[in-house]
Amino acid sequence: MLSKAHDLFEDASAEEKEEIAIKNLREGGDNARMAENFGILTFLLTDSTKHSLQVLSKTGEWIWADPVEGCYVCNIGDMRSEWTRGAYKSKFHRVLHSSDSLRISIPFFFDPNLGAFISPVLPDSEGNLRADEGIRYFEKFVRSVDYPLWRDLLAEPTKAP
């Protein structure tokens, strides 16, 4: 079944939006905002600082995702969940950096084109695949960002008095 999805993955990532960001966290206190990755995959290279990243387990408990030397943390994104009809699930995670030392992490976000239509490649419980089922990545992206820079552009123009 997944072999049929080859073209879908290729089309959705043909002009993929790759982002690399370097994040320095020197904040103590409440920097523990819960988040999910809304793209396809995120690879995170981090320094050796322990007790800085947590993942929400299936049982609802926060577990530490401490770095392992020479390894990357890999987060499944919401679009991978959509493609696989939940066979692979994105997980909530949060940063809890309370050390006085600098924490450096380098995430790589692999996301589909903003215009890509992401639909499941696996059939539903009744064995059906519908071409109209899914979500446009741009819609998910806009809903997932708290304060997008372009929010004012999406708002209705204000009339001059």
Protein backbone atom coordinates (compact mmCIF):
# COMPACT_ATOMS: atom_id res chain seq x y z
CA MET A 1 0.00 0.00 0.00
CA LEU A 2 2.78 2.46 0.86
CA SER A 3 4.42 1.90 -2.52
CA LYS A 4 1.41 3.70 -4.06
CA ALA A 5 2.24 6.67 -1.85
CA HIS A 6 5.66 7.22 -3.43
CA ASP A 7 4.39 9.88 -5.84
CA LEU A 8 2.37 11.58 -3.11
CA PHE A 9 5.43 12.01 -0.89
CA GLU A 10 7.48 13.15 -3.88
CA ASP A 11 4.86 15.74 -4.95
CA ALA A 12 4.37 17.09 -1.46
CA SER A 13 8.07 17.59 -0.87
CA ALA A 14 9.20 18.55 -4.37
CA GLU A 15 9.89 22.12 -3.26
CA GLU A 16 10.15 21.27 0.40
CA LYS A 17 10.57 24.05 2.88
CA GLU A 18 13.66 23.11 4.85
CA GLU A 19 14.43 25.13 7.90
CA ILE A 20 17.47 25.08 10.08
CA ALA A 21 17.38 27.17 13.21
CA ILE A 22 19.88 27.50 15.98
CA LYS A 23 18.30 28.08 19.35
CA ASN A 24 20.16 29.29 22.37
CA LEU A 25 18.26 29.00 25.64
CA ARG A 26 19.63 30.66 28.71
CA GLU A 27 16.21 31.18 30.25
CA GLY A 28 15.37 29.85 33.64
CA GLY A 29 11.86 29.51 34.93
CA ASP A 30 8.78 29.03 32.81
CA ASN A 31 9.91 28.28 29.27
CA ALA A 32 7.95 25.04 29.17
CA ARG A 33 5.37 25.74 26.48
CA MET A 34 3.99 22.47 25.14
CA ALA A 35 4.34 21.99 21.37
CA GLU A 36 3.91 19.48 18.57
CA ASN A 37 5.76 19.54 15.29
CA PHE A 38 3.27 20.16 12.51
CA GLY A 39 5.44 19.21 9.52
CA ILE A 40 6.65 15.76 8.47
CA LEU A 41 9.81 15.13 10.53
CA THR A 42 12.07 17.12 12.82
CA PHE A 43 15.64 16.12 13.57
CA LEU A 44 17.18 17.73 16.64
CA LEU A 45 20.89 17.90 17.38
CA THR A 46 21.46 19.12 20.91
CA ASP A 47 24.32 19.61 23.29
CA SER A 48 24.88 17.33 26.27
CA THR A 49 22.65 19.28 28.70
CA LYS A 50 20.41 16.81 30.53
CA HIS A 51 16.91 17.46 31.84
CA SER A 52 16.07 20.10 29.24
CA LEU A 53 13.60 18.31 26.95
CA GLN A 54 10.51 16.28 27.85
CA VAL A 55 8.06 14.23 25.78
CA LEU A 56 4.49 13.41 26.79
CA SER A 57 4.09 9.62 27.07
CA LYS A 58 1.03 7.56 26.09
CA THR A 59 0.10 7.43 29.78
CA GLY A 60 0.13 11.23 30.08
CA GLU A 61 3.40 11.45 31.99
CA TRP A 62 6.26 13.74 31.01
CA ILE A 63 9.47 11.78 30.41
CA TRP A 64 12.95 13.18 29.91
CA ALA A 65 14.44 12.94 26.42
CA ASP A 66 18.05 13.38 27.46
CA PRO A 67 20.64 13.60 24.71
CA VAL A 68 22.59 10.50 23.67
CA GLU A 69 26.06 11.29 22.36
CA GLY A 70 26.25 11.04 18.57
CA CYS A 71 22.47 10.72 18.16
CA TYR A 72 19.64 12.95 16.95
CA VAL A 73 16.20 13.26 18.47
CA CYS A 74 13.61 12.56 15.76
CA ASN A 75 10.09 13.96 16.15
CA ILE A 76 7.21 12.73 14.01
CA GLY A 77 5.16 15.66 12.72
CA ASP A 78 1.41 16.08 12.35
CA MET A 79 1.59 15.66 8.55
CA ARG A 80 3.26 12.24 8.95
CA SER A 81 0.40 11.34 11.31
CA GLU A 82 -2.10 12.49 8.67
CA TRP A 83 -0.38 10.49 5.90
CA THR A 84 -0.30 7.30 7.98
CA ARG A 85 -3.77 7.74 9.47
CA GLY A 86 -2.22 7.86 12.93
CA ALA A 87 0.06 4.81 12.56
CA TYR A 88 2.87 7.26 13.36
CA LYS A 89 1.78 9.90 15.87
CA SER A 90 3.26 13.28 16.63
CA LYS A 91 3.99 13.80 20.32
CA PHE A 92 3.77 16.82 22.55
CA HIS A 93 7.10 17.93 23.90
CA ARG A 94 8.43 20.85 25.92
CA VAL A 95 11.71 22.51 26.81
CA LEU A 96 12.45 22.84 30.53
CA HIS A 97 15.86 24.44 30.67
CA SER A 98 16.45 25.63 34.20
CA SER A 99 20.25 25.51 34.25
CA ASP A 100 22.37 28.65 34.34
CA SER A 101 24.45 27.24 31.50
CA LEU A 102 23.81 27.89 27.83
CA ARG A 103 21.83 25.20 25.99
CA ILE A 104 22.29 24.88 22.24
CA SER A 105 20.04 22.86 19.98
CA ILE A 106 19.88 22.74 16.20
CA PRO A 107 16.55 21.53 14.76
CA PHE A 108 15.99 20.60 11.12
CA PHE A 109 12.31 20.79 10.13
CA PHE A 110 11.29 18.75 7.07
CA ASP A 111 7.91 20.12 5.97
CA PRO A 112 5.81 19.76 2.82
CA ASN A 113 5.17 22.61 0.38
CA LEU A 114 2.72 25.11 1.83
CA GLY A 115 0.26 24.23 -0.97
CA ALA A 116 0.57 20.43 -0.60
CA PHE A 117 -2.64 18.52 0.06
CA ILE A 118 -1.84 15.83 2.65
CA SER A 119 -4.21 12.89 2.57
CA PRO A 120 -3.91 9.45 4.19
CA VAL A 121 -2.09 6.76 2.21
CA LEU A 122 -3.54 4.00 4.39
CA PRO A 123 -7.20 2.96 4.13
CA ASP A 124 -9.67 3.69 6.92
CA SER A 125 -11.20 0.93 9.07
CA GLU A 126 -13.62 0.11 6.25
CA GLY A 127 -10.83 -0.22 3.68
CA ASN A 128 -11.58 3.09 1.90
CA LEU A 129 -9.20 5.73 0.58
CA ARG A 130 -10.89 9.00 -0.37
CA ALA A 131 -9.08 11.50 -2.58
CA ASP A 132 -10.87 14.42 -0.86
CA GLU A 133 -9.87 13.40 2.69
CA GLY A 134 -6.98 15.31 4.22
CA ILE A 135 -5.72 18.81 4.83
CA ARG A 136 -3.84 21.49 2.93
CA TYR A 137 -0.52 22.02 4.72
CA PHE A 138 -0.89 25.81 4.66
CA GLU A 139 -4.14 25.55 6.66
CA LYS A 140 -2.47 23.37 9.31
CA PHE A 141 0.57 25.64 9.38
CA VAL A 142 -1.50 28.79 9.98
CA ARG A 143 -3.56 27.10 12.71
CA SER A 144 -0.41 25.79 14.40
CA VAL A 145 1.45 29.06 14.70
CA ASP A 146 0.44 31.19 17.69
CA TYR A 147 1.32 34.58 16.20
CA PRO A 148 2.25 34.26 12.53
CA LEU A 149 4.08 37.25 11.11
CA TRP A 150 1.54 37.49 8.31
CA ARG A 151 -1.57 37.50 10.55
CA ASP A 152 -2.32 41.13 9.63
CA LEU A 153 -2.18 40.20 5.95
CA LEU A 154 -4.86 37.55 6.50
CA ALA A 155 -7.15 39.94 8.34
CA GLU A 156 -9.88 41.89 6.64
CA PRO A 157 -8.55 45.32 5.55
CA THR A 158 -9.61 48.20 7.76
CA LYS A 159 -11.52 50.98 6.05
CA ALA A 160 -10.17 54.48 6.41
CA PRO A 161 -12.51 56.88 8.33
